[in-house]
Amino acid sequence: TFLPHLLLPCAAIISLVFWNVLFFLFSPSYIIYYRIDKARHILYVFLTHFKLTCLQIVNYLKKLEIKYPKTIGISSLTFQTFQGRSVAFVRLSNPYSSNKKPVIIVEAGIHGREWIAPAATLWVMEKILENYESREPTARLMLNKYDWFVVPVTNPDGYEYTHTKDRLWTKNRRYISKGCTGVDLNRNFDIMFGTTDVEYRNKCNTDTYPGESAFSEPESSNIQDLFDSLFQRVVAFVSVHSFGQFVLVPWSYTNYEYTSTSNEDLDRVAYLMTYAISKRHGRLYSYGNSFQKLKYAVAGNSIDWVLKRKPNVYSVSLKLRPSISAKDGFLLPGSQIIPTGEEFYDSL
């Protein structure tokens, strides 16, 4: 047992002699464990807590790329954020991918305060890579049949702001006017733009301010650009959020509890996702549209835009733990990352 500040120096010394050693660091709010990798003699850091800055996430992705060079590639989306940050995305595929396979896009972290979304997404990514390497059948099927394009933190400015200033900030950080900052990126897509929350349409100091026009923001434009660049190959789109334990399907902009979509198979897929999740830890997720489950409509969100853009796509929003009645809400403890990630993994 080492004091926390001595862990890394001691680990470095021990790694010169021993291999495959696990080091655990416990604190009241998180757990970090370190593994010595025999093949490359690199100290890999697997973080299972929420104190991950954007830079730490990018460095984490680079470590995954070093460890799994044949199955993961990292790049940046087209547009930088208002504060000048690049938005990383990851491609997961088998080593023999022909650029012709069907594509699944995963968009996470579009709302800054929803920390569990990037954390669980990173956990799922690593699990897929690890299981593929060990020839686990499900992971093999996932990467052999599909190419996965994952955006772990769609809104890095807002996400970073929740770590430094305001834990419950949700929008991006575009300066609009004195006293007004930020656009709700999940209301900034070009479908029924600005038709819900009409009383807040021009109130830029509200959490649901949709912006001046559809795709006015670089972050939403990045998702548009990624989707359009893969248009012919995209078969599914998953927008990862918290909280509520729901699988939400279009249409989100309507004030009706049920409206048929152009993809009649969506309800079946959403049900299967909730069923798979329940088999892991017994957590009950339910499916439906936004008004049915949240009692409010949302115009201009990503899953509606995707289904409008390509009507036969499986387009869903996965609202992760905790339940809608939970007291911790957006402040889910770090101990919930792994079980939430396991449920997310099973839903895919």
Protein backbone atom coordinates (compact mmCIF):
# COMPACT_ATOMS: atom_id res chain seq x y z
CA THR A 1 0.00 0.00 0.00
CA PHE A 2 1.33 3.43 -0.98
CA LEU A 3 0.30 6.95 -0.11
CA PRO A 4 -1.38 8.50 -3.19
CA HIS A 5 1.46 10.90 -4.00
CA LEU A 6 3.95 8.01 -3.93
CA LEU A 7 1.96 5.68 -6.16
CA LEU A 8 3.35 6.67 -9.55
CA PRO A 9 7.03 6.83 -8.52
CA CYS A 10 6.74 3.43 -6.83
CA ALA A 11 4.86 2.02 -9.80
CA ALA A 12 7.61 3.15 -12.15
CA ILE A 13 10.26 1.37 -10.07
CA ILE A 14 8.22 -1.81 -9.69
CA SER A 15 7.49 -1.88 -13.41
CA LEU A 16 11.19 -2.36 -14.12
CA VAL A 17 11.03 -5.72 -12.37
CA PHE A 18 7.47 -7.04 -12.51
CA TRP A 19 4.85 -7.26 -15.24
CA ASN A 20 1.06 -7.13 -15.30
CA VAL A 21 0.87 -5.53 -11.88
CA LEU A 22 -2.32 -3.72 -10.90
CA PHE A 23 -2.08 -0.61 -8.73
CA PHE A 24 -5.15 0.81 -7.05
CA LEU A 25 -5.54 4.34 -5.74
CA PHE A 26 -8.60 4.95 -3.59
CA SER A 27 -10.00 8.32 -2.63
CA PRO A 28 -13.43 9.41 -1.37
CA SER A 29 -14.62 10.35 -4.87
CA TYR A 30 -12.86 8.08 -7.33
CA ILE A 31 -10.70 5.08 -8.03
CA ILE A 32 -7.77 5.01 -10.43
CA TYR A 33 -5.91 1.88 -11.31
CA TYR A 34 -2.70 1.49 -13.20
CA ARG A 35 -1.64 -1.51 -15.23
CA ILE A 36 1.84 -2.31 -16.46
CA ASP A 37 1.66 -3.54 -20.02
CA LYS A 38 4.21 -6.21 -20.81
CA ALA A 39 4.18 -5.88 -24.59
CA ARG A 40 5.13 -2.19 -24.74
CA HIS A 41 6.37 -1.43 -21.24
CA ILE A 42 4.00 1.54 -21.02
CA LEU A 43 2.11 2.61 -17.93
CA TYR A 44 -1.50 2.73 -19.03
CA VAL A 45 -3.89 4.76 -17.00
CA PHE A 46 -7.51 3.72 -16.90
CA LEU A 47 -9.55 6.38 -15.21
CA THR A 48 -12.80 5.49 -13.54
CA HIS A 49 -13.70 8.87 -12.14
CA PHE A 50 -15.24 12.05 -13.47
CA LYS A 51 -12.29 14.43 -13.05
CA LEU A 52 -11.27 14.14 -16.70
CA THR A 53 -10.48 17.36 -18.54
CA CYS A 54 -10.71 17.54 -22.32
CA LEU A 55 -6.93 17.30 -22.61
CA GLN A 56 -6.87 14.23 -20.36
CA ILE A 57 -9.53 12.58 -22.51
CA VAL A 58 -7.52 13.22 -25.69
CA ASN A 59 -4.40 11.82 -24.01
CA TYR A 60 -6.42 8.81 -22.89
CA LEU A 61 -7.55 8.23 -26.47
CA LYS A 62 -3.96 8.45 -27.68
CA LYS A 63 -2.97 5.76 -25.19
CA LEU A 64 -5.73 3.54 -26.53
CA GLU A 65 -4.40 4.16 -30.05
CA ILE A 66 -0.92 3.09 -28.95
CA LYS A 67 -2.28 -0.06 -27.36
CA TYR A 68 -4.71 -0.99 -30.15
CA PRO A 69 -3.16 0.54 -33.30
CA LYS A 70 -4.98 -1.77 -35.71
CA THR A 71 -8.49 -1.13 -34.44
CA ILE A 72 -8.67 2.53 -33.39
CA GLY A 73 -7.86 5.79 -35.15
CA ILE A 74 -8.18 9.32 -33.75
CA SER A 75 -8.82 12.49 -35.69
CA SER A 76 -10.51 15.89 -35.31
CA LEU A 77 -13.81 17.10 -36.71
CA THR A 78 -13.95 19.96 -39.19
CA PHE A 79 -14.74 22.96 -37.01
CA GLN A 80 -13.10 24.27 -33.86
CA THR A 81 -15.25 25.53 -31.00
CA PHE A 82 -15.85 29.18 -30.11
CA GLN A 83 -12.95 28.94 -27.63
CA GLY A 84 -10.65 27.35 -30.20
CA ARG A 85 -10.79 23.70 -29.15
CA SER A 86 -10.63 20.86 -31.62
CA VAL A 87 -13.30 18.19 -31.28
CA ALA A 88 -11.88 14.68 -31.32
CA PHE A 89 -13.57 11.72 -32.89
CA VAL A 90 -12.57 8.09 -32.97
CA ARG A 91 -13.00 5.37 -35.55
CA LEU A 92 -13.24 1.80 -34.32
CA SER A 93 -12.94 -0.91 -36.97
CA ASN A 94 -11.30 -4.23 -37.65
CA PRO A 95 -7.82 -4.18 -39.20
CA TYR A 96 -9.17 -5.14 -42.63
CA SER A 97 -11.94 -2.57 -42.95
CA SER A 98 -12.62 -1.65 -46.57
CA ASN A 99 -14.39 1.68 -46.00
CA LYS A 100 -17.52 0.04 -47.34
CA LYS A 101 -18.98 -1.40 -44.15
CA PRO A 102 -22.12 0.00 -42.52
CA VAL A 103 -21.42 2.81 -40.04
CA ILE A 104 -22.75 3.50 -36.54
CA ILE A 105 -22.21 7.02 -35.18
CA VAL A 106 -22.13 7.66 -31.44
CA GLU A 107 -22.42 11.28 -30.28
CA ALA A 108 -21.81 11.96 -26.58
CA GLY A 109 -21.19 14.98 -24.39
CA ILE A 110 -23.29 17.49 -26.33
CA HIS A 111 -24.42 18.89 -22.96
CA GLY A 112 -21.58 19.93 -20.69
CA ARG A 113 -23.03 18.81 -17.36
CA GLU A 114 -23.84 15.26 -18.44
CA TRP A 115 -20.50 13.82 -17.31
CA ILE A 116 -21.65 10.21 -17.36
CA ALA A 117 -22.17 10.36 -21.14
CA PRO A 118 -18.49 10.84 -22.12
CA ALA A 119 -17.30 8.63 -19.25
CA ALA A 120 -19.54 5.69 -20.15
CA THR A 121 -18.77 6.14 -23.84
CA LEU A 122 -15.02 5.95 -23.19
CA TRP A 123 -15.55 2.86 -21.05
CA VAL A 124 -17.56 1.19 -23.82
CA MET A 125 -14.93 2.04 -26.42
CA GLU A 126 -12.17 0.49 -24.36
CA LYS A 127 -14.30 -2.57 -23.64
CA ILE A 128 -14.95 -3.14 -27.33
CA LEU A 129 -11.24 -2.85 -28.14
CA GLU A 130 -10.19 -5.06 -25.25
CA ASN A 131 -12.78 -7.73 -26.05
CA TYR A 132 -11.98 -7.66 -29.76
CA GLU A 133 -8.33 -8.27 -28.95
CA SER A 134 -9.27 -11.26 -26.79
CA ARG A 135 -11.52 -12.59 -29.59
CA GLU A 136 -14.75 -12.22 -27.62
CA PRO A 137 -17.56 -13.06 -30.10
CA THR A 138 -19.78 -10.01 -29.53
CA ALA A 139 -16.94 -7.52 -29.91
CA ARG A 140 -15.68 -9.40 -32.96
CA LEU A 141 -19.11 -9.11 -34.53
CA MET A 142 -19.35 -5.40 -33.66
CA LEU A 143 -16.10 -4.47 -35.40
CA ASN A 144 -16.20 -7.01 -38.22
CA LYS A 145 -19.68 -5.98 -39.30
CA TYR A 146 -19.59 -2.22 -38.61
CA ASP A 147 -17.30 0.78 -38.53
CA TRP A 148 -17.94 2.91 -35.44
CA PHE A 149 -17.41 6.67 -35.43
CA VAL A 150 -17.51 8.00 -31.88
CA VAL A 151 -17.46 11.63 -30.68
CA PRO A 152 -16.83 11.31 -26.92
CA VAL A 153 -17.14 15.04 -26.10
CA THR A 154 -19.16 16.93 -28.70
CA ASN A 155 -19.19 20.12 -26.61
CA PRO A 156 -15.68 20.48 -25.13
CA ASP A 157 -16.06 24.16 -24.19
CA GLY A 158 -19.16 23.49 -22.13
CA TYR A 159 -17.70 20.31 -20.67
CA GLU A 160 -14.52 22.08 -19.60
CA TYR A 161 -16.54 24.92 -18.06
CA THR A 162 -18.35 22.43 -15.81
CA HIS A 163 -14.97 21.43 -14.40
CA THR A 164 -13.75 24.96 -13.72
CA LYS A 165 -16.73 27.25 -13.07
CA ASP A 166 -20.27 25.89 -13.13
CA ARG A 167 -20.86 22.15 -12.64
CA LEU A 168 -24.40 22.32 -14.08
CA TRP A 169 -23.62 24.30 -17.24
CA THR A 170 -25.20 22.63 -20.27
CA LYS A 171 -24.69 24.85 -23.36
CA ASN A 172 -21.61 25.68 -25.38
CA ARG A 173 -19.64 28.84 -24.56
CA ARG A 174 -20.38 31.13 -27.49
CA TYR A 175 -20.44 34.79 -26.45
CA ILE A 176 -23.75 36.29 -27.57
CA SER A 177 -24.08 39.55 -25.69
CA LYS A 178 -23.43 41.00 -22.26
CA GLY A 179 -24.95 38.59 -19.75
CA CYS A 180 -25.66 35.99 -22.44
CA THR A 181 -23.42 33.05 -23.25
CA GLY A 182 -24.09 29.73 -24.88
CA VAL A 183 -26.42 27.80 -27.16
CA ASP A 184 -28.19 24.52 -26.41
CA LEU A 185 -26.53 22.44 -29.10
CA ASN A 186 -29.21 19.77 -29.01
CA ARG A 187 -31.74 22.35 -30.16
CA ASN A 188 -29.51 23.73 -32.92
CA PHE A 189 -30.14 21.13 -35.64
CA ASP A 190 -32.19 21.88 -38.73
CA ILE A 191 -35.49 20.24 -37.95
CA MET A 192 -38.46 22.25 -36.67
CA PHE A 193 -35.87 24.71 -35.37
CA GLY A 194 -37.14 27.03 -32.65
CA THR A 195 -40.70 25.69 -32.62
CA THR A 196 -40.68 24.48 -29.01
CA ASP A 197 -39.98 26.55 -25.88
CA VAL A 198 -41.16 29.50 -27.98
CA GLU A 199 -41.30 31.75 -24.93
CA TYR A 200 -37.54 31.25 -24.54
CA ARG A 201 -36.72 31.44 -28.26
CA ASN A 202 -35.07 34.84 -27.98
CA LYS A 203 -33.91 34.58 -24.37
CA CYS A 204 -30.25 33.75 -24.70
CA ASN A 205 -29.69 33.46 -20.95
CA THR A 206 -31.84 30.31 -20.69
CA ASP A 207 -30.51 26.74 -20.78
CA THR A 208 -32.66 25.89 -23.80
CA TYR A 209 -31.71 28.83 -26.03
CA PRO A 210 -31.42 27.25 -29.53
CA GLY A 211 -29.25 29.90 -31.16
CA GLU A 212 -29.89 32.40 -33.92
CA SER A 213 -30.41 29.78 -36.61
CA ALA A 214 -30.03 26.07 -37.26
CA PHE A 215 -26.41 24.94 -37.40
CA SER A 216 -25.19 28.32 -36.23
CA GLU A 217 -22.75 26.52 -33.93
CA PRO A 218 -19.52 24.72 -34.86
CA GLU A 219 -20.31 21.77 -32.59
CA SER A 220 -23.65 20.91 -34.21
CA SER A 221 -22.13 21.62 -37.62
CA ASN A 222 -19.44 19.05 -36.80
CA ILE A 223 -22.07 16.36 -36.31
CA GLN A 224 -23.78 17.41 -39.53
CA ASP A 225 -20.49 17.27 -41.41
CA LEU A 226 -19.54 13.86 -39.98
CA PHE A 227 -22.94 12.40 -40.80
CA ASP A 228 -22.99 13.79 -44.33
CA SER A 229 -19.46 12.55 -45.02
CA LEU A 230 -20.60 9.01 -44.15
CA PHE A 231 -24.14 9.40 -45.44
CA GLN A 232 -24.31 6.37 -47.72
CA ARG A 233 -22.96 4.05 -45.05
CA VAL A 234 -24.72 5.24 -41.87
CA VAL A 235 -27.23 2.73 -40.52
CA ALA A 236 -27.53 3.87 -36.89
CA PHE A 237 -27.03 7.00 -34.79
CA VAL A 238 -26.87 7.03 -30.99
CA SER A 239 -26.95 10.29 -29.02
CA VAL A 240 -25.79 9.66 -25.44
CA HIS A 241 -27.19 11.75 -22.60
CA SER A 242 -28.20 11.70 -18.96
CA PHE A 243 -30.29 11.29 -17.03
CA GLY A 244 -33.54 9.32 -16.83
CA GLN A 245 -32.91 5.73 -17.98
CA PHE A 246 -34.71 6.09 -21.30
CA VAL A 247 -34.24 5.08 -24.90
CA LEU A 248 -35.82 8.00 -26.76
CA VAL A 249 -36.93 7.81 -30.37
CA PRO A 250 -38.13 10.51 -32.79
CA TRP A 251 -40.10 12.58 -33.11
CA SER A 252 -38.98 14.78 -30.24
CA TYR A 253 -40.54 18.04 -31.44
CA THR A 254 -44.15 16.93 -31.14
CA ASN A 255 -46.49 17.43 -28.19
CA TYR A 256 -48.09 14.07 -28.82
CA GLU A 257 -47.18 10.98 -26.84
CA TYR A 258 -46.79 8.89 -29.96
CA THR A 259 -46.12 9.77 -33.56
CA SER A 260 -45.13 7.30 -36.23
CA THR A 261 -41.69 7.68 -37.77
CA SER A 262 -40.39 6.83 -41.20
CA ASN A 263 -38.56 3.87 -39.66
CA GLU A 264 -41.26 1.61 -38.27
CA ASP A 265 -38.66 -0.79 -36.89
CA LEU A 266 -37.37 1.81 -34.41
CA ASP A 267 -39.78 0.83 -31.65
CA ARG A 268 -38.67 -2.80 -31.87
CA VAL A 269 -35.01 -1.82 -31.66
CA ALA A 270 -35.64 0.57 -28.76
CA TYR A 271 -37.47 -2.17 -26.87
CA LEU A 272 -34.63 -4.63 -27.45
CA MET A 273 -32.16 -2.06 -26.13
CA THR A 274 -34.14 -1.61 -22.90
CA TYR A 275 -34.48 -5.38 -22.51
CA ALA A 276 -30.75 -5.95 -22.97
CA ILE A 277 -29.98 -3.25 -20.39
CA SER A 278 -32.32 -4.79 -17.82
CA LYS A 279 -30.59 -8.16 -18.07
CA ARG A 280 -27.29 -6.75 -16.76
CA HIS A 281 -28.08 -5.15 -13.38
CA GLY A 282 -31.86 -5.20 -13.30
CA ARG A 283 -32.14 -1.48 -14.05
CA LEU A 284 -35.36 -0.61 -15.82
CA TYR A 285 -35.09 1.64 -18.86
CA SER A 286 -38.17 2.52 -20.89
CA TYR A 287 -38.60 3.75 -24.44
CA GLY A 288 -40.75 6.33 -26.20
CA ASN A 289 -40.52 9.85 -27.55
CA SER A 290 -39.53 12.94 -25.60
CA PHE A 291 -43.03 14.14 -24.75
CA GLN A 292 -44.10 10.67 -23.67
CA LYS A 293 -41.18 10.18 -21.28
CA LEU A 294 -40.03 13.68 -20.31
CA LYS A 295 -43.35 15.53 -20.67
CA TYR A 296 -41.83 18.17 -22.91
CA ALA A 297 -41.04 18.46 -26.60
CA VAL A 298 -37.60 19.25 -28.03
CA ALA A 299 -37.25 20.81 -31.46
CA GLY A 300 -33.98 20.84 -33.36
CA ASN A 301 -32.26 17.86 -31.76
CA SER A 302 -29.79 15.51 -33.39
CA ILE A 303 -31.82 12.29 -33.50
CA ASP A 304 -34.76 13.97 -35.25
CA TRP A 305 -32.44 15.64 -37.75
CA VAL A 306 -30.69 12.35 -38.53
CA LEU A 307 -33.98 10.54 -39.16
CA LYS A 308 -35.23 13.40 -41.33
CA ARG A 309 -31.94 13.41 -43.26
CA LYS A 310 -31.97 9.63 -43.79
CA PRO A 311 -35.37 8.07 -43.05
CA ASN A 312 -34.28 4.44 -42.73
CA VAL A 313 -31.61 5.03 -40.05
CA TYR A 314 -31.96 3.70 -36.50
CA SER A 315 -31.74 6.99 -34.61
CA VAL A 316 -32.07 6.95 -30.82
CA SER A 317 -31.12 8.98 -27.77
CA LEU A 318 -29.89 6.95 -24.82
CA LYS A 319 -30.45 8.69 -21.49
CA LEU A 320 -28.22 6.89 -19.02
CA ARG A 321 -28.35 6.53 -15.24
CA PRO A 322 -29.73 7.58 -12.83
CA SER A 323 -33.51 7.28 -12.99
CA ILE A 324 -35.62 10.37 -13.53
CA SER A 325 -36.57 10.44 -9.84
CA ALA A 326 -33.03 10.05 -8.49
CA LYS A 327 -31.67 12.77 -6.23
CA ASP A 328 -28.13 12.72 -7.65
CA GLY A 329 -29.29 13.46 -11.23
CA PHE A 330 -26.40 15.03 -13.13
CA LEU A 331 -24.16 14.54 -10.07
CA LEU A 332 -23.94 10.79 -10.42
CA PRO A 333 -20.96 9.44 -8.42
CA GLY A 334 -17.96 7.98 -10.19
CA SER A 335 -18.76 4.53 -8.81
CA GLN A 336 -21.59 4.40 -11.36
CA ILE A 337 -19.39 4.69 -14.45
CA ILE A 338 -18.67 0.99 -14.86
CA PRO A 339 -22.22 -0.35 -14.30
CA THR A 340 -23.58 2.41 -16.54
CA GLY A 341 -20.97 1.56 -19.17
CA GLU A 342 -21.90 -2.12 -18.95
CA GLU A 343 -25.54 -1.27 -19.61
CA PHE A 344 -24.58 0.98 -22.51
CA TYR A 345 -22.40 -1.78 -23.97
CA ASP A 346 -25.20 -4.33 -23.71
CA SER A 347 -27.67 -1.98 -25.40
CA LEU A 348 -25.52 -1.90 -28.52
